[in-house]
Amino acid sequence: MLIIIFMEDGFSMDFLTSLLNSMPGAVAQGLIWGIMAIGVYITYRVLDIADLTVDGSLGTGGAVCVVLMLNGVPVGLALVAATLAGMLAGLVTGLFHTACGIPAILAGILTQLALYSVNLRIMGTGTGGGKANLPISVDKYSLLVSARYVREKALSNPLLTLVIFCAILVAVLYWFFGTELGCSLRATGANQNMARAQGINTSFAKVLGLMISNGLVALSGGLLAQYQGFSDINMGRGAIVIGLAAVIIGEVIFSKIFRNFALKLIAAIIGAIIYYMVMTFVLRLGLSTDDLKLLTALVVAVFLTVPYWKSRYFTKPSVKKGGKNNA
């Protein structure tokens, strides 16, 4: 009956089959971008900083990973180098903000702008000039994840690798933010003045948080470059919006049941998966890829608006009970 209704509404079995076939790819991309969303969560929610460096550091991670692998470096070391490169970008943003007194959002913009040229230089290593695109074939290199195997029932399927990768990452971050150093980062974001009064070096905490965040973003960029089979100079454009979309979607849907810090990180990953599943569905309906950025902005705006409208128009005001003052 459901299939008949779909067909009467203009849907066909071909559409449903195509949609189901594309879902494994959407989930894989969601897991990769979920790592980036965790990085955005650390700055946006933990540190309370709007960091725009991620649009550049994602591409930096992809560029470093691909260039090193093309030069014979093992995939594991290439990903470590990509993460360190992202941490270096976060260090620059942090020093701009703390040592130079530049507002955090502007510091991120400056680093992001500089990284465009840096990424061109990285991808042009050994060629005498910058390159906007560098392909890396799964036939010639042992990639950790590849879109070619996303629908295969084998160990080479990137879904299994990415789920394990994300689980380990969440466990490590949960442990770290439970340590004294991790708690100092959370305290800095919660109340900077109080944290400083407790003897916490808030400037160091901000720099460290930005480094961890952009390291995760660059790691995501390295995985994304492998998955899609190339590194591109524009692969990080609009990444901050996608990261925010993932974080906000996860919070809106799971905020009532996910109270634990680790579960909040998982919610960001699930938010990224939901985002890419929605994008895949809309693209299958015939939306032009030129409108994806517009759709992303609308999705973020809607999920940001829902909590506000819910609290203002759909929540009954609490009535304070108290005895009468018989003066």
C-alpha atoms as a PDB file:
ATOM      1  CA  MET A   1       0.000   0.000   0.000  1.00  0.00           C
ATOM      2  CA  LEU A   2       2.849   2.407   0.878  1.00  0.00           C
ATOM      3  CA  ILE A   3       4.576   1.708  -2.445  1.00  0.00           C
ATOM      4  CA  ILE A   4       1.305   2.368  -4.314  1.00  0.00           C
ATOM      5  CA  ILE A   5       0.895   5.684  -2.505  1.00  0.00           C
ATOM      6  CA  PHE A   6       4.467   6.656  -3.383  1.00  0.00           C
ATOM      7  CA  MET A   7       3.892   5.772  -7.038  1.00  0.00           C
ATOM      8  CA  GLU A   8       0.634   7.710  -7.117  1.00  0.00           C
ATOM      9  CA  ASP A   9       2.434  10.748  -5.736  1.00  0.00           C
ATOM     10  CA  GLY A  10       4.996  10.626  -8.524  1.00  0.00           C
ATOM     11  CA  PHE A  11       7.555   8.425  -6.801  1.00  0.00           C
ATOM     12  CA  SER A  12       8.750   5.255  -8.479  1.00  0.00           C
ATOM     13  CA  MET A  13      10.532   2.099  -7.521  1.00  0.00           C
ATOM     14  CA  ASP A  14      13.580   3.425  -9.358  1.00  0.00           C
ATOM     15  CA  PHE A  15      13.643   6.444  -7.060  1.00  0.00           C
ATOM     16  CA  LEU A  16      13.369   4.299  -3.931  1.00  0.00           C
ATOM     17  CA  THR A  17      16.041   1.902  -5.156  1.00  0.00           C
ATOM     18  CA  SER A  18      18.364   4.769  -6.062  1.00  0.00           C
ATOM     19  CA  LEU A  19      17.752   6.405  -2.690  1.00  0.00           C
ATOM     20  CA  LEU A  20      18.482   3.217  -0.746  1.00  0.00           C
ATOM     21  CA  ASN A  21      21.635   2.584  -2.778  1.00  0.00           C
ATOM     22  CA  SER A  22      22.920   6.072  -2.001  1.00  0.00           C
ATOM     23  CA  MET A  23      22.275   5.859   1.752  1.00  0.00           C
ATOM     24  CA  PRO A  24      25.488   3.932   2.637  1.00  0.00           C
ATOM     25  CA  GLY A  25      27.485   6.724   1.001  1.00  0.00           C
ATOM     26  CA  ALA A  26      25.502   9.334   2.926  1.00  0.00           C
ATOM     27  CA  VAL A  27      26.172   7.547   6.220  1.00  0.00           C
ATOM     28  CA  ALA A  28      29.896   7.247   5.403  1.00  0.00           C
ATOM     29  CA  GLN A  29      30.153  10.956   4.616  1.00  0.00           C
ATOM     30  CA  GLY A  30      28.176  11.725   7.759  1.00  0.00           C
ATOM     31  CA  LEU A  31      30.661   9.770   9.868  1.00  0.00           C
ATOM     32  CA  ILE A  32      33.615  11.582   8.271  1.00  0.00           C
ATOM     33  CA  TRP A  33      32.022  15.003   8.682  1.00  0.00           C
ATOM     34  CA  GLY A  34      30.916  13.948  12.168  1.00  0.00           C
ATOM     35  CA  ILE A  35      34.577  14.025  13.221  1.00  0.00           C
ATOM     36  CA  MET A  36      34.712  17.584  11.919  1.00  0.00           C
ATOM     37  CA  ALA A  37      31.462  18.342  13.780  1.00  0.00           C
ATOM     38  CA  ILE A  38      33.102  17.220  17.031  1.00  0.00           C
ATOM     39  CA  GLY A  39      35.871  19.734  16.363  1.00  0.00           C
ATOM     40  CA  VAL A  40      33.255  22.447  15.824  1.00  0.00           C
ATOM     41  CA  TYR A  41      31.465  21.333  19.004  1.00  0.00           C
ATOM     42  CA  ILE A  42      34.642  21.814  21.053  1.00  0.00           C
ATOM     43  CA  THR A  43      35.016  25.448  20.028  1.00  0.00           C
ATOM     44  CA  TYR A  44      31.339  26.350  19.655  1.00  0.00           C
ATOM     45  CA  ARG A  45      29.963  24.666  22.787  1.00  0.00           C
ATOM     46  CA  VAL A  46      32.899  23.858  25.066  1.00  0.00           C
ATOM     47  CA  LEU A  47      35.007  27.001  24.567  1.00  0.00           C
ATOM     48  CA  ASP A  48      32.144  29.267  23.450  1.00  0.00           C
ATOM     49  CA  ILE A  49      34.221  30.534  20.511  1.00  0.00           C
ATOM     50  CA  ALA A  50      33.021  30.982  16.940  1.00  0.00           C
ATOM     51  CA  ASP A  51      36.041  29.631  15.035  1.00  0.00           C
ATOM     52  CA  LEU A  52      36.029  30.022  11.246  1.00  0.00           C
ATOM     53  CA  THR A  53      39.469  28.448  10.785  1.00  0.00           C
ATOM     54  CA  VAL A  54      37.817  25.115   9.954  1.00  0.00           C
ATOM     55  CA  ASP A  55      37.031  26.137   6.373  1.00  0.00           C
ATOM     56  CA  GLY A  56      40.776  26.251   5.771  1.00  0.00           C
ATOM     57  CA  SER A  57      42.063  23.540   8.125  1.00  0.00           C
ATOM     58  CA  LEU A  58      39.798  20.890   6.560  1.00  0.00           C
ATOM     59  CA  GLY A  59      41.486  21.490   3.217  1.00  0.00           C
ATOM     60  CA  THR A  60      44.879  21.546   4.910  1.00  0.00           C
ATOM     61  CA  GLY A  61      44.289  18.095   6.343  1.00  0.00           C
ATOM     62  CA  GLY A  62      43.243  16.748   2.956  1.00  0.00           C
ATOM     63  CA  ALA A  63      46.183  18.358   1.165  1.00  0.00           C
ATOM     64  CA  VAL A  64      48.805  17.136   3.635  1.00  0.00           C
ATOM     65  CA  CYS A  65      47.400  13.603   3.705  1.00  0.00           C
ATOM     66  CA  VAL A  66      47.239  13.225  -0.084  1.00  0.00           C
ATOM     67  CA  VAL A  67      50.649  14.791  -0.780  1.00  0.00           C
ATOM     68  CA  LEU A  68      52.371  12.559   1.776  1.00  0.00           C
ATOM     69  CA  MET A  69      50.673   9.420   0.489  1.00  0.00           C
ATOM     70  CA  LEU A  70      51.611  10.305  -3.083  1.00  0.00           C
ATOM     71  CA  ASN A  71      55.204  10.477  -1.852  1.00  0.00           C
ATOM     72  CA  GLY A  72      55.109   7.022  -0.290  1.00  0.00           C
ATOM     73  CA  VAL A  73      54.208   7.813   3.324  1.00  0.00           C
ATOM     74  CA  PRO A  74      51.962   5.169   4.989  1.00  0.00           C
ATOM     75  CA  VAL A  75      48.336   6.183   5.450  1.00  0.00           C
ATOM     76  CA  GLY A  76      48.572   6.161   9.258  1.00  0.00           C
ATOM     77  CA  LEU A  77      51.505   8.562   9.360  1.00  0.00           C
ATOM     78  CA  ALA A  78      49.851  10.726   6.690  1.00  0.00           C
ATOM     79  CA  LEU A  79      46.761  11.110   8.882  1.00  0.00           C
ATOM     80  CA  VAL A  80      48.900  11.938  11.925  1.00  0.00           C
ATOM     81  CA  ALA A  81      50.725  14.607   9.898  1.00  0.00           C
ATOM     82  CA  ALA A  82      47.390  15.990   8.672  1.00  0.00           C
ATOM     83  CA  THR A  83      46.163  16.228  12.273  1.00  0.00           C
ATOM     84  CA  LEU A  84      49.345  18.018  13.348  1.00  0.00           C
ATOM     85  CA  ALA A  85      49.006  20.456  10.441  1.00  0.00           C
ATOM     86  CA  GLY A  86      45.469  21.255  11.575  1.00  0.00           C
ATOM     87  CA  MET A  87      46.686  21.744  15.139  1.00  0.00           C
ATOM     88  CA  LEU A  88      49.292  24.178  13.840  1.00  0.00           C
ATOM     89  CA  ALA A  89      46.530  26.146  12.102  1.00  0.00           C
ATOM     90  CA  GLY A  90      44.589  26.207  15.376  1.00  0.00           C
ATOM     91  CA  LEU A  91      47.733  27.402  17.168  1.00  0.00           C
ATOM     92  CA  VAL A  92      48.006  30.349  14.775  1.00  0.00           C
ATOM     93  CA  THR A  93      44.370  31.297  15.352  1.00  0.00           C
ATOM     94  CA  GLY A  94      44.822  30.940  19.107  1.00  0.00           C
ATOM     95  CA  LEU A  95      47.902  33.175  19.157  1.00  0.00           C
ATOM     96  CA  PHE A  96      46.149  35.752  16.977  1.00  0.00           C
ATOM     97  CA  HIS A  97      43.344  35.807  19.541  1.00  0.00           C
ATOM     98  CA  THR A  98      45.234  35.592  22.833  1.00  0.00           C
ATOM     99  CA  ALA A  99      48.649  37.117  22.124  1.00  0.00           C
ATOM    100  CA  CYS A 100      47.613  39.726  19.558  1.00  0.00           C
ATOM    101  CA  GLY A 101      44.227  40.637  21.030  1.00  0.00           C
ATOM    102  CA  ILE A 102      42.340  39.962  17.785  1.00  0.00           C
ATOM    103  CA  PRO A 103      38.695  38.898  18.298  1.00  0.00           C
ATOM    104  CA  ALA A 104      38.279  35.154  17.901  1.00  0.00           C
ATOM    105  CA  ILE A 105      35.979  35.287  14.878  1.00  0.00           C
ATOM    106  CA  LEU A 106      38.326  37.668  13.040  1.00  0.00           C
ATOM    107  CA  ALA A 107      41.381  35.611  14.014  1.00  0.00           C
ATOM    108  CA  GLY A 108      39.719  32.563  12.447  1.00  0.00           C
ATOM    109  CA  ILE A 109      38.940  34.474   9.261  1.00  0.00           C
ATOM    110  CA  LEU A 110      42.556  35.642   8.957  1.00  0.00           C
ATOM    111  CA  THR A 111      43.939  32.124   9.405  1.00  0.00           C
ATOM    112  CA  GLN A 112      41.357  30.694   7.011  1.00  0.00           C
ATOM    113  CA  LEU A 113      42.359  33.278   4.392  1.00  0.00           C
ATOM    114  CA  ALA A 114      46.054  32.483   4.811  1.00  0.00           C
ATOM    115  CA  LEU A 115      45.426  28.733   4.594  1.00  0.00           C
ATOM    116  CA  TYR A 116      44.067  29.056   1.047  1.00  0.00           C
ATOM    117  CA  SER A 117      47.536  30.011  -0.182  1.00  0.00           C
ATOM    118  CA  VAL A 118      49.198  27.532   2.162  1.00  0.00           C
ATOM    119  CA  ASN A 119      47.044  24.694   0.840  1.00  0.00           C
ATOM    120  CA  LEU A 120      47.909  25.618  -2.748  1.00  0.00           C
ATOM    121  CA  ARG A 121      51.580  25.519  -1.808  1.00  0.00           C
ATOM    122  CA  ILE A 122      51.193  22.133  -0.149  1.00  0.00           C
ATOM    123  CA  MET A 123      49.426  20.601  -3.134  1.00  0.00           C
ATOM    124  CA  GLY A 124      51.994  22.119  -5.475  1.00  0.00           C
ATOM    125  CA  THR A 125      54.923  20.545  -3.608  1.00  0.00           C
ATOM    126  CA  GLY A 126      57.424  19.197  -6.113  1.00  0.00           C
ATOM    127  CA  THR A 127      55.583  20.584  -9.148  1.00  0.00           C
ATOM    128  CA  GLY A 128      56.852  24.148  -9.115  1.00  0.00           C
ATOM    129  CA  GLY A 129      53.432  25.704  -8.568  1.00  0.00           C
ATOM    130  CA  GLY A 130      50.144  25.476  -6.738  1.00  0.00           C
ATOM    131  CA  LYS A 131      47.551  22.892  -7.739  1.00  0.00           C
ATOM    132  CA  ALA A 132      43.852  23.151  -6.998  1.00  0.00           C
ATOM    133  CA  ASN A 133      43.263  19.400  -7.201  1.00  0.00           C
ATOM    134  CA  LEU A 134      45.305  16.275  -6.477  1.00  0.00           C
ATOM    135  CA  PRO A 135      43.857  12.807  -7.284  1.00  0.00           C
ATOM    136  CA  ILE A 136      44.776   9.701  -5.327  1.00  0.00           C
ATOM    137  CA  SER A 137      43.641   6.335  -6.670  1.00  0.00           C
ATOM    138  CA  VAL A 138      42.568   3.423  -4.495  1.00  0.00           C
ATOM    139  CA  ASP A 139      44.093   1.133  -7.144  1.00  0.00           C
ATOM    140  CA  LYS A 140      47.599   2.443  -6.491  1.00  0.00           C
ATOM    141  CA  TYR A 141      47.495   3.343  -2.807  1.00  0.00           C
ATOM    142  CA  SER A 142      46.184   1.496   0.251  1.00  0.00           C
ATOM    143  CA  LEU A 143      43.602   4.029   1.389  1.00  0.00           C
ATOM    144  CA  LEU A 144      41.978   3.647   4.782  1.00  0.00           C
ATOM    145  CA  VAL A 145      38.522   4.501   3.394  1.00  0.00           C
ATOM    146  CA  SER A 146      37.218   4.654  -0.156  1.00  0.00           C
ATOM    147  CA  ALA A 147      33.803   5.363  -1.673  1.00  0.00           C
ATOM    148  CA  ARG A 148      34.305   2.466  -4.082  1.00  0.00           C
ATOM    149  CA  TYR A 149      33.704  -0.131  -1.361  1.00  0.00           C
ATOM    150  CA  VAL A 150      30.914   1.611   0.548  1.00  0.00           C
ATOM    151  CA  ARG A 151      28.254  -0.909  -0.538  1.00  0.00           C
ATOM    152  CA  GLU A 152      30.378  -4.038  -0.227  1.00  0.00           C
ATOM    153  CA  LYS A 153      29.868  -6.611   2.530  1.00  0.00           C
ATOM    154  CA  ALA A 154      33.543  -6.910   3.394  1.00  0.00           C
ATOM    155  CA  LEU A 155      36.157  -5.563   5.776  1.00  0.00           C
ATOM    156  CA  SER A 156      37.151  -3.038   3.108  1.00  0.00           C
ATOM    157  CA  ASN A 157      33.799  -1.284   3.600  1.00  0.00           C
ATOM    158  CA  PRO A 158      34.606   2.194   4.985  1.00  0.00           C
ATOM    159  CA  LEU A 159      31.506   2.187   7.205  1.00  0.00           C
ATOM    160  CA  LEU A 160      32.995  -0.365   9.592  1.00  0.00           C
ATOM    161  CA  THR A 161      36.329   1.473   9.715  1.00  0.00           C
ATOM    162  CA  LEU A 162      34.673   4.845  10.315  1.00  0.00           C
ATOM    163  CA  VAL A 163      32.376   3.564  13.077  1.00  0.00           C
ATOM    164  CA  ILE A 164      35.369   2.102  14.935  1.00  0.00           C
ATOM    165  CA  PHE A 165      37.347   5.290  14.281  1.00  0.00           C
ATOM    166  CA  CYS A 166      34.569   7.502  15.688  1.00  0.00           C
ATOM    167  CA  ALA A 167      34.044   5.241  18.721  1.00  0.00           C
ATOM    168  CA  ILE A 168      37.740   5.376  19.643  1.00  0.00           C
ATOM    169  CA  LEU A 169      37.822   9.139  19.098  1.00  0.00           C
ATOM    170  CA  VAL A 170      34.803   9.750  21.346  1.00  0.00           C
ATOM    171  CA  ALA A 171      36.300   7.517  24.057  1.00  0.00           C
ATOM    172  CA  VAL A 172      39.637   9.377  23.974  1.00  0.00           C
ATOM    173  CA  LEU A 173      37.961  12.799  24.087  1.00  0.00           C
ATOM    174  CA  TYR A 174      35.658  11.695  26.917  1.00  0.00           C
ATOM    175  CA  TRP A 175      38.715  10.613  28.899  1.00  0.00           C
ATOM    176  CA  PHE A 176      40.643  13.795  28.109  1.00  0.00           C
ATOM    177  CA  PHE A 177      37.856  16.204  29.070  1.00  0.00           C
ATOM    178  CA  GLY A 178      37.539  14.351  32.355  1.00  0.00           C
ATOM    179  CA  THR A 179      41.155  15.122  33.265  1.00  0.00           C
ATOM    180  CA  GLU A 180      42.241  18.251  35.093  1.00  0.00           C
ATOM    181  CA  LEU A 181      43.479  19.833  31.857  1.00  0.00           C
ATOM    182  CA  GLY A 182      40.273  18.971  30.025  1.00  0.00           C
ATOM    183  CA  CYS A 183      38.152  20.341  32.856  1.00  0.00           C
ATOM    184  CA  SER A 184      40.118  23.594  32.680  1.00  0.00           C
ATOM    185  CA  LEU A 185      39.069  23.936  29.026  1.00  0.00           C
ATOM    186  CA  ARG A 186      35.437  23.354  29.935  1.00  0.00           C
ATOM    187  CA  ALA A 187      35.661  25.806  32.824  1.00  0.00           C
ATOM    188  CA  THR A 188      37.162  28.451  30.531  1.00  0.00           C
ATOM    189  CA  GLY A 189      34.238  28.137  28.147  1.00  0.00           C
ATOM    190  CA  ALA A 190      31.648  28.071  30.941  1.00  0.00           C
ATOM    191  CA  ASN A 191      32.899  31.135  32.841  1.00  0.00           C
ATOM    192  CA  GLN A 192      36.206  32.661  31.835  1.00  0.00           C
ATOM    193  CA  ASN A 193      36.405  35.091  34.769  1.00  0.00           C
ATOM    194  CA  MET A 194      35.684  32.406  37.345  1.00  0.00           C
ATOM    195  CA  ALA A 195      38.160  30.047  35.692  1.00  0.00           C
ATOM    196  CA  ARG A 196      40.828  32.736  35.847  1.00  0.00           C
ATOM    197  CA  ALA A 197      40.010  33.329  39.511  1.00  0.00           C
ATOM    198  CA  GLN A 198      40.618  29.618  40.145  1.00  0.00           C
ATOM    199  CA  GLY A 199      44.144  29.947  38.741  1.00  0.00           C
ATOM    200  CA  ILE A 200      43.440  28.559  35.262  1.00  0.00           C
ATOM    201  CA  ASN A 201      45.494  30.005  32.418  1.00  0.00           C
ATOM    202  CA  THR A 202      42.532  30.801  30.161  1.00  0.00           C
ATOM    203  CA  SER A 203      44.717  31.957  27.265  1.00  0.00           C
ATOM    204  CA  PHE A 204      46.508  28.600  27.209  1.00  0.00           C
ATOM    205  CA  ALA A 205      43.158  26.792  27.480  1.00  0.00           C
ATOM    206  CA  LYS A 206      41.790  28.674  24.481  1.00  0.00           C
ATOM    207  CA  VAL A 207      44.860  27.975  22.368  1.00  0.00           C
ATOM    208  CA  LEU A 208      44.832  24.299  23.312  1.00  0.00           C
ATOM    209  CA  GLY A 209      41.112  24.000  22.573  1.00  0.00           C
ATOM    210  CA  LEU A 210      41.549  25.599  19.156  1.00  0.00           C
ATOM    211  CA  MET A 211      44.444  23.258  18.407  1.00  0.00           C
ATOM    212  CA  ILE A 212      42.445  20.159  19.353  1.00  0.00           C
ATOM    213  CA  SER A 213      39.438  21.366  17.375  1.00  0.00           C
ATOM    214  CA  ASN A 214      41.335  22.106  14.181  1.00  0.00           C
ATOM    215  CA  GLY A 215      43.380  18.931  14.552  1.00  0.00           C
ATOM    216  CA  LEU A 216      40.120  16.946  14.451  1.00  0.00           C
ATOM    217  CA  VAL A 217      38.900  18.992  11.494  1.00  0.00           C
ATOM    218  CA  ALA A 218      42.117  18.312   9.583  1.00  0.00           C
ATOM    219  CA  LEU A 219      41.862  14.614  10.456  1.00  0.00           C
ATOM    220  CA  SER A 220      38.381  14.659   8.966  1.00  0.00           C
ATOM    221  CA  GLY A 221      39.807  16.374   5.878  1.00  0.00           C
ATOM    222  CA  GLY A 222      42.412  13.639   5.464  1.00  0.00           C
ATOM    223  CA  LEU A 223      39.748  10.935   5.679  1.00  0.00           C
ATOM    224  CA  LEU A 224      37.461  12.840   3.309  1.00  0.00           C
ATOM    225  CA  ALA A 225      40.226  13.211   0.715  1.00  0.00           C
ATOM    226  CA  GLN A 226      40.823   9.461   0.813  1.00  0.00           C
ATOM    227  CA  TYR A 227      37.127   8.663   0.651  1.00  0.00           C
ATOM    228  CA  GLN A 228      36.439  10.820  -2.395  1.00  0.00           C
ATOM    229  CA  GLY A 229      39.782  10.001  -4.039  1.00  0.00           C
ATOM    230  CA  PHE A 230      41.212  13.502  -4.303  1.00  0.00           C
ATOM    231  CA  SER A 231      42.142  16.623  -2.388  1.00  0.00           C
ATOM    232  CA  ASP A 232      40.635  19.892  -3.586  1.00  0.00           C
ATOM    233  CA  ILE A 233      41.422  23.478  -2.651  1.00  0.00           C
ATOM    234  CA  ASN A 234      37.710  24.200  -2.145  1.00  0.00           C
ATOM    235  CA  MET A 235      36.821  21.046  -0.203  1.00  0.00           C
ATOM    236  CA  GLY A 236      36.578  22.996   3.046  1.00  0.00           C
ATOM    237  CA  ARG A 237      34.424  25.840   1.740  1.00  0.00           C
ATOM    238  CA  GLY A 238      31.291  26.075   3.878  1.00  0.00           C
ATOM    239  CA  ALA A 239      32.579  23.433   6.309  1.00  0.00           C
ATOM    240  CA  ILE A 240      31.740  25.578   9.341  1.00  0.00           C
ATOM    241  CA  VAL A 241      28.089  25.709   8.283  1.00  0.00           C
ATOM    242  CA  ILE A 242      27.936  21.924   7.856  1.00  0.00           C
ATOM    243  CA  GLY A 243      29.617  21.469  11.235  1.00  0.00           C
ATOM    244  CA  LEU A 244      27.156  23.826  12.908  1.00  0.00           C
ATOM    245  CA  ALA A 245      24.275  22.048  11.181  1.00  0.00           C
ATOM    246  CA  ALA A 246      25.447  18.706  12.555  1.00  0.00           C
ATOM    247  CA  VAL A 247      25.882  20.082  16.086  1.00  0.00           C
ATOM    248  CA  ILE A 248      22.524  21.867  16.105  1.00  0.00           C
ATOM    249  CA  ILE A 249      20.615  18.924  14.602  1.00  0.00           C
ATOM    250  CA  GLY A 250      22.129  16.598  17.202  1.00  0.00           C
ATOM    251  CA  GLU A 251      21.268  18.958  20.040  1.00  0.00           C
ATOM    252  CA  VAL A 252      17.697  19.605  18.923  1.00  0.00           C
ATOM    253  CA  ILE A 253      16.904  15.902  18.516  1.00  0.00           C
ATOM    254  CA  PHE A 254      18.864  14.374  21.407  1.00  0.00           C
ATOM    255  CA  SER A 255      19.251  17.159  24.000  1.00  0.00           C
ATOM    256  CA  LYS A 256      16.572  15.653  26.268  1.00  0.00           C
ATOM    257  CA  ILE A 257      18.107  12.176  26.387  1.00  0.00           C
ATOM    258  CA  PHE A 258      21.848  12.738  25.775  1.00  0.00           C
ATOM    259  CA  ARG A 259      23.124  14.393  28.954  1.00  0.00           C
ATOM    260  CA  ASN A 260      26.536  12.754  29.199  1.00  0.00           C
ATOM    261  CA  PHE A 261      29.470  14.516  27.496  1.00  0.00           C
ATOM    262  CA  ALA A 262      30.339  11.458  25.419  1.00  0.00           C
ATOM    263  CA  LEU A 263      26.728  11.152  24.284  1.00  0.00           C
ATOM    264  CA  LYS A 264      26.757  14.809  23.255  1.00  0.00           C
ATOM    265  CA  LEU A 265      29.762  14.099  21.030  1.00  0.00           C
ATOM    266  CA  ILE A 266      27.922  11.115  19.564  1.00  0.00           C
ATOM    267  CA  ALA A 267      24.906  13.372  18.974  1.00  0.00           C
ATOM    268  CA  ALA A 268      27.089  15.641  16.815  1.00  0.00           C
ATOM    269  CA  ILE A 269      28.131  12.625  14.723  1.00  0.00           C
ATOM    270  CA  ILE A 270      24.527  11.458  14.373  1.00  0.00           C
ATOM    271  CA  GLY A 271      23.567  15.024  13.427  1.00  0.00           C
ATOM    272  CA  ALA A 272      26.096  14.925  10.586  1.00  0.00           C
ATOM    273  CA  ILE A 273      24.699  11.580   9.390  1.00  0.00           C
ATOM    274  CA  ILE A 274      21.144  12.947   9.441  1.00  0.00           C
ATOM    275  CA  TYR A 275      22.294  16.048   7.570  1.00  0.00           C
ATOM    276  CA  TYR A 276      23.839  14.015   4.751  1.00  0.00           C
ATOM    277  CA  MET A 277      20.872  11.668   4.571  1.00  0.00           C
ATOM    278  CA  VAL A 278      18.575  14.666   4.157  1.00  0.00           C
ATOM    279  CA  MET A 279      20.889  16.180   1.541  1.00  0.00           C
ATOM    280  CA  THR A 280      20.967  12.899  -0.372  1.00  0.00           C
ATOM    281  CA  PHE A 281      17.175  12.644  -0.291  1.00  0.00           C
ATOM    282  CA  VAL A 282      16.742  16.208  -1.537  1.00  0.00           C
ATOM    283  CA  LEU A 283      19.291  15.725  -4.327  1.00  0.00           C
ATOM    284  CA  ARG A 284      17.449  12.583  -5.436  1.00  0.00           C
ATOM    285  CA  LEU A 285      14.308  14.687  -5.682  1.00  0.00           C
ATOM    286  CA  GLY A 286      16.046  16.750  -8.357  1.00  0.00           C
ATOM    287  CA  LEU A 287      17.441  19.756  -6.486  1.00  0.00           C
ATOM    288  CA  SER A 288      20.353  21.363  -8.288  1.00  0.00           C
ATOM    289  CA  THR A 289      23.740  21.012  -6.590  1.00  0.00           C
ATOM    290  CA  ASP A 290      24.112  24.775  -7.059  1.00  0.00           C
ATOM    291  CA  ASP A 291      21.471  25.226  -4.350  1.00  0.00           C
ATOM    292  CA  LEU A 292      23.146  23.029  -1.713  1.00  0.00           C
ATOM    293  CA  LYS A 293      24.714  25.921   0.195  1.00  0.00           C
ATOM    294  CA  LEU A 294      21.356  27.700   0.290  1.00  0.00           C
ATOM    295  CA  LEU A 295      19.665  24.556   1.558  1.00  0.00           C
ATOM    296  CA  THR A 296      22.368  24.067   4.205  1.00  0.00           C
ATOM    297  CA  ALA A 297      21.880  27.627   5.450  1.00  0.00           C
ATOM    298  CA  LEU A 298      18.118  27.089   5.641  1.00  0.00           C
ATOM    299  CA  VAL A 299      18.542  23.798   7.527  1.00  0.00           C
ATOM    300  CA  VAL A 300      20.801  25.467  10.108  1.00  0.00           C
ATOM    301  CA  ALA A 301      18.406  28.428  10.429  1.00  0.00           C
ATOM    302  CA  VAL A 302      15.438  26.108  10.995  1.00  0.00           C
ATOM    303  CA  PHE A 303      17.170  23.994  13.648  1.00  0.00           C
ATOM    304  CA  LEU A 304      18.425  27.133  15.409  1.00  0.00           C
ATOM    305  CA  THR A 305      14.926  28.589  15.368  1.00  0.00           C
ATOM    306  CA  VAL A 306      13.088  25.501  16.661  1.00  0.00           C
ATOM    307  CA  PRO A 307      14.433  25.679  20.270  1.00  0.00           C
ATOM    308  CA  TYR A 308      13.669  29.408  20.441  1.00  0.00           C
ATOM    309  CA  TRP A 309      10.115  29.025  19.185  1.00  0.00           C
ATOM    310  CA  LYS A 310       9.588  26.004  21.406  1.00  0.00           C
ATOM    311  CA  SER A 311      10.650  27.900  24.535  1.00  0.00           C
ATOM    312  CA  ARG A 312       8.720  31.032  23.619  1.00  0.00           C
ATOM    313  CA  TYR A 313       5.465  29.789  22.130  1.00  0.00           C
ATOM    314  CA  PHE A 314       5.021  26.162  23.217  1.00  0.00           C
ATOM    315  CA  THR A 315       6.278  26.125  26.806  1.00  0.00           C
ATOM    316  CA  LYS A 316       3.914  27.057  29.575  1.00  0.00           C
ATOM    317  CA  PRO A 317       5.344  29.684  31.932  1.00  0.00           C
ATOM    318  CA  SER A 318       6.120  28.317  35.367  1.00  0.00           C
ATOM    319  CA  VAL A 319       3.991  29.626  38.207  1.00  0.00           C
ATOM    320  CA  LYS A 320       5.795  30.283  41.444  1.00  0.00           C
ATOM    321  CA  LYS A 321       3.894  29.081  44.467  1.00  0.00           C
ATOM    322  CA  GLY A 322       4.241  30.960  47.695  1.00  0.00           C
ATOM    323  CA  GLY A 323       2.283  32.028  50.696  1.00  0.00           C
ATOM    324  CA  LYS A 324       0.697  35.436  51.014  1.00  0.00           C
ATOM    325  CA  ASN A 325       2.588  38.080  52.887  1.00  0.00           C
ATOM    326  CA  ASN A 326       0.369  39.009  55.822  1.00  0.00           C
ATOM    327  CA  ALA A 327       2.112  42.138  56.888  1.00  0.00           C
END
